[in-house]
Every structure is written in structure tokens, then in C-alpha cells.
Amino acid sequence: MVRLYGLLFLVNLALLVIALIDCLSTDEDEIRNLPKIAWVFIILLFSPVGAIVWFVAGRPQRAVARAGGEWRAGGGFPEATRPSTRSMAPDDDPEFLRGLAKGRREDEEMFSKWEADLRRREEELRRREEEEGQDGEGRPPRG
């Protein structure tokens, strides 16, 4: 009879500890029916019934991860529904390299247009300075 009571005591203690840790580690907004502090008191004061009630009525319902559903870190995925990941490095991906080459060509074209525009503006500025350098009668300034 003593062994039976010892076994029931250990089962009760394990259930109490597991329920208390689960309750304390759950986010406040995920807990159902009562605030977290109320669940802690129920688990501690009404052992083992409080722990059982926590698992039945207070613990958040875990959503099953499905394809196209919301993914939560640590939720795990079956291999078939795992989100797709890039299987190769970017420098091995031909599409990525084509995009880089296209971007480089576009940058070079834009740079050459800017250089041509800069040369044109410098030439206009030199012309204006030469025109303004002459006084109103068309003579160069005295030096």
C-alpha cells in the first residue's frame, strides 16, 4: 500500500510540475478562459485536478502546420510541406548572374549618359564664361 501511495505521489508531482511549467511558459494572450495567474493558483491549489483542468481548458490549442498556412518557428514541417528554400548559392544561380549582368549594363549606360551630360554642361559653361568675359563692345577685358 505504501508503494502505491508513493507512486501516486510521484505521478501527482510530475503532473503538477509539467502543468506549472507549461502554464508559465505560455504567452498570456494564448491562454484560454482565465488569466495566467488564475491558472497558476488553480494548478497549485487543486492538485492533481487543477493540472488536468489546465490541460483540458486552459492550454492553448496548437494549430497544425499545413501547406499555405501560417508558419511558426519551432512548429516543424513534414518534408512535403516545407517552405521552399534556395537550393544553390547566388553565384551559382544563372538567373541571378543574368540579373547582375543586366544591372551592370544599365549602370554603365547611365554612367555614360551622365558623363556626356557633364561634358555638355562644362562646354556650355566655358562658352558662357568666354561670352561674359568680353565686355559689352565685344572687346576682351583689360588684363
N, C-alpha and C. Protein backbone atom coordinates (compact mmCIF):
# COMPACT_ATOMS: atom_id res chain seq x y z
N MET A 1 0.82 -1.20 0.00
CA MET A 1 0.00 0.00 0.00
C MET A 1 0.86 1.26 0.00
N VAL A 2 1.99 1.23 0.70
CA VAL A 2 2.90 2.37 0.76
C VAL A 2 3.49 2.63 -0.62
N ARG A 3 3.79 1.57 -1.34
CA ARG A 3 4.34 1.73 -2.70
C ARG A 3 3.32 2.40 -3.61
N LEU A 4 2.07 2.07 -3.50
CA LEU A 4 1.03 2.67 -4.32
C LEU A 4 0.90 4.15 -4.03
N TYR A 5 0.92 4.52 -2.74
CA TYR A 5 0.85 5.94 -2.38
C TYR A 5 2.09 6.69 -2.87
N GLY A 6 3.23 6.07 -2.78
CA GLY A 6 4.46 6.68 -3.29
C GLY A 6 4.39 6.91 -4.79
N LEU A 7 3.89 5.93 -5.50
CA LEU A 7 3.74 6.05 -6.95
C LEU A 7 2.74 7.15 -7.31
N LEU A 8 1.60 7.19 -6.61
CA LEU A 8 0.60 8.24 -6.87
C LEU A 8 1.16 9.63 -6.54
N PHE A 9 1.96 9.72 -5.48
CA PHE A 9 2.58 10.99 -5.12
C PHE A 9 3.52 11.45 -6.22
N LEU A 10 4.34 10.55 -6.76
CA LEU A 10 5.26 10.92 -7.83
C LEU A 10 4.53 11.31 -9.12
N VAL A 11 3.47 10.60 -9.44
CA VAL A 11 2.66 10.95 -10.62
C VAL A 11 2.03 12.33 -10.43
N ASN A 12 1.50 12.58 -9.24
CA ASN A 12 0.89 13.88 -8.93
C ASN A 12 1.94 14.98 -9.03
N LEU A 13 3.13 14.75 -8.48
CA LEU A 13 4.19 15.75 -8.50
C LEU A 13 4.64 16.03 -9.95
N ALA A 14 4.80 14.99 -10.74
CA ALA A 14 5.20 15.16 -12.13
C ALA A 14 4.13 15.93 -12.91
N LEU A 15 2.88 15.59 -12.71
CA LEU A 15 1.79 16.28 -13.39
C LEU A 15 1.74 17.75 -12.97
N LEU A 16 1.94 18.02 -11.71
CA LEU A 16 1.94 19.39 -11.19
C LEU A 16 3.08 20.20 -11.81
N VAL A 17 4.28 19.65 -11.83
CA VAL A 17 5.44 20.37 -12.36
C VAL A 17 5.28 20.61 -13.87
N ILE A 18 4.84 19.60 -14.60
CA ILE A 18 4.67 19.76 -16.05
C ILE A 18 3.61 20.80 -16.36
N ALA A 19 2.49 20.76 -15.67
CA ALA A 19 1.41 21.73 -15.91
C ALA A 19 1.86 23.14 -15.54
N LEU A 20 2.58 23.28 -14.44
CA LEU A 20 3.03 24.60 -14.00
C LEU A 20 4.05 25.19 -14.98
N ILE A 21 4.99 24.39 -15.42
CA ILE A 21 5.98 24.88 -16.39
C ILE A 21 5.29 25.24 -17.70
N ASP A 22 4.36 24.42 -18.15
CA ASP A 22 3.63 24.70 -19.39
C ASP A 22 2.83 25.99 -19.27
N CYS A 23 2.18 26.18 -18.14
CA CYS A 23 1.38 27.39 -17.94
C CYS A 23 2.27 28.63 -17.90
N LEU A 24 3.38 28.56 -17.17
CA LEU A 24 4.25 29.73 -17.05
C LEU A 24 4.97 30.07 -18.35
N SER A 25 5.22 29.09 -19.19
CA SER A 25 5.94 29.35 -20.44
C SER A 25 5.02 29.75 -21.59
N THR A 26 3.71 29.69 -21.39
CA THR A 26 2.75 30.06 -22.43
C THR A 26 2.52 31.57 -22.39
N ASP A 27 2.42 32.18 -23.58
CA ASP A 27 2.14 33.62 -23.66
C ASP A 27 0.76 33.92 -23.08
N GLU A 28 0.66 35.07 -22.44
CA GLU A 28 -0.58 35.49 -21.78
C GLU A 28 -1.75 35.55 -22.75
N ASP A 29 -1.49 36.02 -23.98
CA ASP A 29 -2.60 36.18 -24.93
C ASP A 29 -3.04 34.86 -25.57
N GLU A 30 -2.30 33.78 -25.37
CA GLU A 30 -2.69 32.49 -25.93
C GLU A 30 -3.50 31.63 -24.96
N ILE A 31 -3.45 31.97 -23.68
CA ILE A 31 -4.13 31.16 -22.67
C ILE A 31 -5.63 31.34 -22.79
N ARG A 32 -6.36 30.23 -22.65
CA ARG A 32 -7.82 30.27 -22.80
C ARG A 32 -8.50 30.40 -21.44
N ASN A 33 -9.65 31.02 -21.42
CA ASN A 33 -10.65 31.05 -20.35
C ASN A 33 -10.31 31.89 -19.13
N LEU A 34 -9.11 31.88 -18.61
CA LEU A 34 -8.76 32.64 -17.41
C LEU A 34 -7.39 33.29 -17.59
N PRO A 35 -7.10 34.30 -16.76
CA PRO A 35 -5.75 34.88 -16.82
C PRO A 35 -4.70 33.87 -16.34
N LYS A 36 -3.46 34.12 -16.70
CA LYS A 36 -2.37 33.20 -16.36
C LYS A 36 -2.23 33.02 -14.85
N ILE A 37 -2.33 34.10 -14.09
CA ILE A 37 -2.15 34.00 -12.63
C ILE A 37 -3.23 33.11 -12.00
N ALA A 38 -4.44 33.18 -12.53
CA ALA A 38 -5.52 32.33 -12.01
C ALA A 38 -5.21 30.86 -12.30
N TRP A 39 -4.69 30.57 -13.48
CA TRP A 39 -4.33 29.18 -13.80
C TRP A 39 -3.21 28.67 -12.91
N VAL A 40 -2.25 29.52 -12.59
CA VAL A 40 -1.15 29.11 -11.70
C VAL A 40 -1.71 28.72 -10.34
N PHE A 41 -2.60 29.56 -9.79
CA PHE A 41 -3.19 29.24 -8.48
C PHE A 41 -4.05 27.97 -8.54
N ILE A 42 -4.80 27.79 -9.60
CA ILE A 42 -5.63 26.59 -9.73
C ILE A 42 -4.75 25.34 -9.79
N ILE A 43 -3.65 25.42 -10.56
CA ILE A 43 -2.74 24.26 -10.67
C ILE A 43 -2.11 23.95 -9.33
N LEU A 44 -1.69 24.98 -8.60
CA LEU A 44 -1.02 24.75 -7.32
C LEU A 44 -1.97 24.32 -6.20
N LEU A 45 -3.15 24.91 -6.14
CA LEU A 45 -4.05 24.67 -5.01
C LEU A 45 -4.90 23.42 -5.16
N PHE A 46 -5.24 23.05 -6.37
CA PHE A 46 -6.16 21.93 -6.59
C PHE A 46 -5.46 20.78 -7.30
N SER A 47 -4.34 20.37 -6.77
CA SER A 47 -3.58 19.28 -7.37
C SER A 47 -4.27 17.94 -7.11
N PRO A 48 -4.33 17.04 -8.00
CA PRO A 48 -3.96 16.98 -9.42
C PRO A 48 -5.06 17.47 -10.35
N VAL A 49 -6.24 17.78 -9.79
CA VAL A 49 -7.37 18.20 -10.63
C VAL A 49 -7.06 19.50 -11.37
N GLY A 50 -6.35 20.45 -10.71
CA GLY A 50 -6.02 21.72 -11.34
C GLY A 50 -5.14 21.54 -12.56
N ALA A 51 -4.18 20.62 -12.49
CA ALA A 51 -3.30 20.37 -13.63
C ALA A 51 -4.07 19.75 -14.79
N ILE A 52 -4.96 18.84 -14.47
CA ILE A 52 -5.77 18.20 -15.52
C ILE A 52 -6.69 19.23 -16.18
N VAL A 53 -7.29 20.08 -15.37
CA VAL A 53 -8.16 21.13 -15.91
C VAL A 53 -7.36 22.09 -16.79
N TRP A 54 -6.11 22.39 -16.40
CA TRP A 54 -5.26 23.25 -17.23
C TRP A 54 -5.07 22.64 -18.62
N PHE A 55 -4.75 21.36 -18.67
CA PHE A 55 -4.52 20.72 -19.97
C PHE A 55 -5.80 20.63 -20.80
N VAL A 56 -6.94 20.56 -20.15
CA VAL A 56 -8.20 20.44 -20.88
C VAL A 56 -8.76 21.80 -21.28
N ALA A 57 -8.75 22.77 -20.36
CA ALA A 57 -9.48 24.02 -20.60
C ALA A 57 -8.62 25.27 -20.71
N GLY A 58 -7.38 25.23 -20.28
CA GLY A 58 -6.59 26.45 -20.26
C GLY A 58 -5.49 26.52 -21.27
N ARG A 59 -4.93 25.39 -21.59
CA ARG A 59 -3.80 25.35 -22.51
C ARG A 59 -4.25 25.77 -23.90
N PRO A 60 -3.42 26.56 -24.60
CA PRO A 60 -3.80 26.98 -25.96
C PRO A 60 -3.87 25.80 -26.90
N GLN A 61 -4.80 25.90 -27.83
CA GLN A 61 -4.93 24.85 -28.84
C GLN A 61 -3.83 25.06 -29.86
N ARG A 62 -3.10 24.04 -30.13
CA ARG A 62 -1.99 24.12 -31.08
C ARG A 62 -2.53 23.92 -32.49
N ALA A 63 -2.22 24.86 -33.37
CA ALA A 63 -2.64 24.75 -34.77
C ALA A 63 -1.70 23.80 -35.48
N VAL A 64 -2.24 22.98 -36.33
CA VAL A 64 -1.45 22.04 -37.11
C VAL A 64 -0.89 22.79 -38.31
N ALA A 65 0.41 22.63 -38.55
CA ALA A 65 1.04 23.30 -39.68
C ALA A 65 0.56 22.65 -40.97
N ARG A 66 0.01 23.45 -41.87
CA ARG A 66 -0.48 22.96 -43.15
C ARG A 66 0.16 23.76 -44.27
N ALA A 67 0.15 23.20 -45.43
CA ALA A 67 0.71 23.90 -46.58
C ALA A 67 -0.10 25.17 -46.82
N GLY A 68 0.60 26.28 -46.96
CA GLY A 68 -0.06 27.55 -47.21
C GLY A 68 -0.57 28.21 -45.95
N GLY A 69 -0.48 27.56 -44.82
CA GLY A 69 -0.95 28.14 -43.56
C GLY A 69 0.14 28.97 -42.91
N GLU A 70 -0.16 29.49 -41.76
CA GLU A 70 0.80 30.30 -41.04
C GLU A 70 1.87 29.41 -40.44
N TRP A 71 3.12 29.82 -40.60
CA TRP A 71 4.23 29.04 -40.07
C TRP A 71 4.76 29.73 -38.84
N ARG A 72 4.97 28.95 -37.79
CA ARG A 72 5.56 29.48 -36.55
C ARG A 72 6.88 28.78 -36.32
N ALA A 73 7.85 29.54 -35.86
CA ALA A 73 9.17 28.98 -35.60
C ALA A 73 9.06 27.83 -34.61
N GLY A 74 9.75 26.77 -34.88
CA GLY A 74 9.74 25.61 -33.99
C GLY A 74 8.56 24.69 -34.20
N GLY A 75 7.62 25.06 -35.09
CA GLY A 75 6.45 24.23 -35.32
C GLY A 75 6.77 22.98 -36.12
N GLY A 76 7.83 23.03 -36.90
CA GLY A 76 8.23 21.88 -37.70
C GLY A 76 7.35 21.72 -38.93
N PHE A 77 7.87 21.03 -39.91
CA PHE A 77 7.15 20.78 -41.14
C PHE A 77 7.40 19.36 -41.61
N PRO A 78 6.39 18.72 -42.11
CA PRO A 78 6.66 17.48 -42.85
C PRO A 78 7.44 17.86 -44.10
N GLU A 79 8.23 16.97 -44.61
CA GLU A 79 9.10 17.29 -45.74
C GLU A 79 8.33 17.80 -46.95
N ALA A 80 7.14 17.27 -47.20
CA ALA A 80 6.38 17.67 -48.39
C ALA A 80 5.86 19.11 -48.28
N THR A 81 5.64 19.62 -47.08
CA THR A 81 5.08 20.96 -46.93
C THR A 81 6.12 21.98 -46.47
N ARG A 82 7.39 21.61 -46.48
CA ARG A 82 8.45 22.52 -46.06
C ARG A 82 8.49 23.71 -47.02
N PRO A 83 8.62 24.94 -46.49
CA PRO A 83 8.71 26.10 -47.39
C PRO A 83 9.92 25.96 -48.31
N SER A 84 9.76 26.40 -49.54
CA SER A 84 10.85 26.25 -50.49
C SER A 84 12.00 27.17 -50.10
N THR A 85 13.19 26.67 -50.26
CA THR A 85 14.39 27.45 -49.98
C THR A 85 15.27 27.41 -51.22
N ARG A 86 16.13 28.38 -51.33
CA ARG A 86 17.06 28.44 -52.45
C ARG A 86 18.04 27.28 -52.29
N SER A 87 18.14 26.44 -53.32
CA SER A 87 18.95 25.25 -53.22
C SER A 87 20.39 25.48 -53.65
N MET A 88 20.69 26.65 -54.22
CA MET A 88 22.07 26.89 -54.65
C MET A 88 22.48 28.29 -54.22
N ALA A 89 23.77 28.49 -54.17
CA ALA A 89 24.32 29.79 -53.80
C ALA A 89 24.02 30.79 -54.90
N PRO A 90 23.91 32.07 -54.57
CA PRO A 90 23.58 33.07 -55.60
C PRO A 90 24.60 33.12 -56.74
N ASP A 91 25.87 32.90 -56.45
CA ASP A 91 26.86 32.97 -57.53
C ASP A 91 26.84 31.74 -58.44
N ASP A 92 26.05 30.72 -58.09
CA ASP A 92 25.88 29.56 -58.95
C ASP A 92 24.55 29.61 -59.71
N ASP A 93 23.70 30.55 -59.39
CA ASP A 93 22.37 30.65 -59.98
C ASP A 93 22.45 31.46 -61.27
N PRO A 94 22.18 30.85 -62.44
CA PRO A 94 22.30 31.58 -63.71
C PRO A 94 21.35 32.77 -63.79
N GLU A 95 20.17 32.64 -63.25
CA GLU A 95 19.21 33.75 -63.30
C GLU A 95 19.73 34.94 -62.50
N PHE A 96 20.30 34.67 -61.35
CA PHE A 96 20.86 35.73 -60.52
C PHE A 96 22.01 36.42 -61.25
N LEU A 97 22.88 35.62 -61.88
CA LEU A 97 24.02 36.19 -62.60
C LEU A 97 23.57 37.02 -63.80
N ARG A 98 22.51 36.55 -64.52
CA ARG A 98 21.96 37.35 -65.62
C ARG A 98 21.46 38.69 -65.12
N GLY A 99 20.80 38.68 -63.96
CA GLY A 99 20.31 39.92 -63.38
C GLY A 99 21.43 40.87 -63.04
N LEU A 100 22.54 40.32 -62.53
CA LEU A 100 23.70 41.16 -62.22
C LEU A 100 24.28 41.78 -63.49
N ALA A 101 24.41 40.96 -64.56
CA ALA A 101 24.97 41.46 -65.81
C ALA A 101 24.08 42.55 -66.39
N LYS A 102 22.77 42.33 -66.34
CA LYS A 102 21.83 43.33 -66.86
C LYS A 102 21.94 44.62 -66.05
N GLY A 103 22.00 44.48 -64.74
CA GLY A 103 22.13 45.66 -63.88
C GLY A 103 23.42 46.41 -64.15
N ARG A 104 24.52 45.66 -64.38
CA ARG A 104 25.80 46.30 -64.66
C ARG A 104 25.73 47.06 -65.98
N ARG A 105 25.11 46.47 -67.02
CA ARG A 105 24.96 47.17 -68.31
C ARG A 105 24.15 48.44 -68.14
N GLU A 106 23.05 48.35 -67.39
CA GLU A 106 22.21 49.54 -67.18
C GLU A 106 22.99 50.62 -66.44
N ASP A 107 23.79 50.21 -65.46
CA ASP A 107 24.60 51.18 -64.72
C ASP A 107 25.64 51.85 -65.61
N GLU A 108 26.28 51.06 -66.50
CA GLU A 108 27.27 51.62 -67.41
C GLU A 108 26.64 52.60 -68.39
N GLU A 109 25.44 52.25 -68.89
CA GLU A 109 24.73 53.16 -69.81
C GLU A 109 24.39 54.47 -69.11
N MET A 110 23.89 54.36 -67.88
CA MET A 110 23.53 55.55 -67.13
C MET A 110 24.77 56.40 -66.85
N PHE A 111 25.87 55.74 -66.51
CA PHE A 111 27.11 56.46 -66.23
C PHE A 111 27.61 57.18 -67.47
N SER A 112 27.54 56.53 -68.64
CA SER A 112 27.99 57.19 -69.87
C SER A 112 27.08 58.38 -70.21
N LYS A 113 25.78 58.27 -69.96
CA LYS A 113 24.87 59.39 -70.19
C LYS A 113 25.22 60.55 -69.25
N TRP A 114 25.52 60.24 -68.01
CA TRP A 114 25.89 61.29 -67.06
C TRP A 114 27.19 61.97 -67.48
N GLU A 115 28.16 61.17 -67.95
CA GLU A 115 29.42 61.77 -68.41
C GLU A 115 29.18 62.68 -69.61
N ALA A 116 28.36 62.23 -70.56
CA ALA A 116 28.07 63.05 -71.73
C ALA A 116 27.35 64.34 -71.32
N ASP A 117 26.42 64.23 -70.39
CA ASP A 117 25.70 65.41 -69.90
C ASP A 117 26.66 66.36 -69.19
N LEU A 118 27.58 65.80 -68.41
CA LEU A 118 28.55 66.63 -67.70
C LEU A 118 29.45 67.35 -68.68
N ARG A 119 29.94 66.64 -69.74
CA ARG A 119 30.77 67.29 -70.75
C ARG A 119 30.01 68.42 -71.45
N ARG A 120 28.73 68.16 -71.78
CA ARG A 120 27.92 69.18 -72.44
C ARG A 120 27.77 70.41 -71.55
N ARG A 121 27.48 70.18 -70.28
CA ARG A 121 27.32 71.32 -69.35
C ARG A 121 28.62 72.09 -69.16
N GLU A 122 29.74 71.37 -69.08
CA GLU A 122 31.03 72.06 -68.95
C GLU A 122 31.33 72.91 -70.17
N GLU A 123 30.99 72.37 -71.34
CA GLU A 123 31.21 73.11 -72.58
C GLU A 123 30.33 74.37 -72.61
N GLU A 124 29.07 74.24 -72.22
CA GLU A 124 28.17 75.40 -72.16
C GLU A 124 28.69 76.44 -71.17
N LEU A 125 29.20 75.96 -70.05
CA LEU A 125 29.72 76.88 -69.03
C LEU A 125 30.95 77.61 -69.56
N ARG A 126 31.86 76.92 -70.26
CA ARG A 126 33.03 77.57 -70.84
C ARG A 126 32.61 78.61 -71.87
N ARG A 127 31.61 78.25 -72.71
CA ARG A 127 31.13 79.19 -73.72
C ARG A 127 30.56 80.44 -73.07
N ARG A 128 29.75 80.26 -72.02
CA ARG A 128 29.17 81.42 -71.33
C ARG A 128 30.24 82.28 -70.69
N GLU A 129 31.24 81.63 -70.08
CA GLU A 129 32.32 82.40 -69.45
C GLU A 129 33.10 83.19 -70.48
N GLU A 130 33.31 82.60 -71.67
CA GLU A 130 34.01 83.31 -72.73
C GLU A 130 33.18 84.50 -73.21
N GLU A 131 31.85 84.29 -73.34
CA GLU A 131 30.96 85.38 -73.79
C GLU A 131 30.89 86.48 -72.75
N GLU A 132 30.83 86.11 -71.48
CA GLU A 132 30.74 87.10 -70.41
C GLU A 132 32.09 87.76 -70.18
N GLY A 133 33.15 87.08 -70.57
CA GLY A 133 34.50 87.63 -70.40
C GLY A 133 34.71 88.85 -71.29
N GLN A 134 34.00 88.95 -72.37
CA GLN A 134 34.11 90.11 -73.25
C GLN A 134 33.18 91.18 -72.71
N ASP A 135 33.59 92.41 -72.79
CA ASP A 135 32.69 93.47 -72.32
C ASP A 135 31.62 93.72 -73.35
N GLY A 136 30.76 94.64 -73.11
CA GLY A 136 29.61 94.87 -73.95
C GLY A 136 29.94 95.22 -75.39
N GLU A 137 31.16 95.70 -75.71
CA GLU A 137 31.52 96.11 -77.07
C GLU A 137 32.20 94.99 -77.83
N GLY A 138 32.29 93.83 -77.23
CA GLY A 138 32.87 92.73 -77.95
C GLY A 138 34.36 92.64 -77.81
N ARG A 139 34.95 93.54 -76.95
CA ARG A 139 36.39 93.50 -76.75
C ARG A 139 36.72 92.65 -75.54
N PRO A 140 37.87 91.98 -75.56
CA PRO A 140 38.26 91.23 -74.38
C PRO A 140 38.59 92.18 -73.23
N PRO A 141 38.42 91.72 -71.99
CA PRO A 141 38.67 92.63 -70.85
C PRO A 141 40.14 93.00 -70.74
N ARG A 142 40.40 94.14 -70.10
CA ARG A 142 41.78 94.58 -69.92
C ARG A 142 42.44 93.69 -68.89
N GLY A 143 43.66 93.36 -69.11
CA GLY A 143 44.33 92.45 -68.24
C GLY A 143 45.50 92.90 -67.59
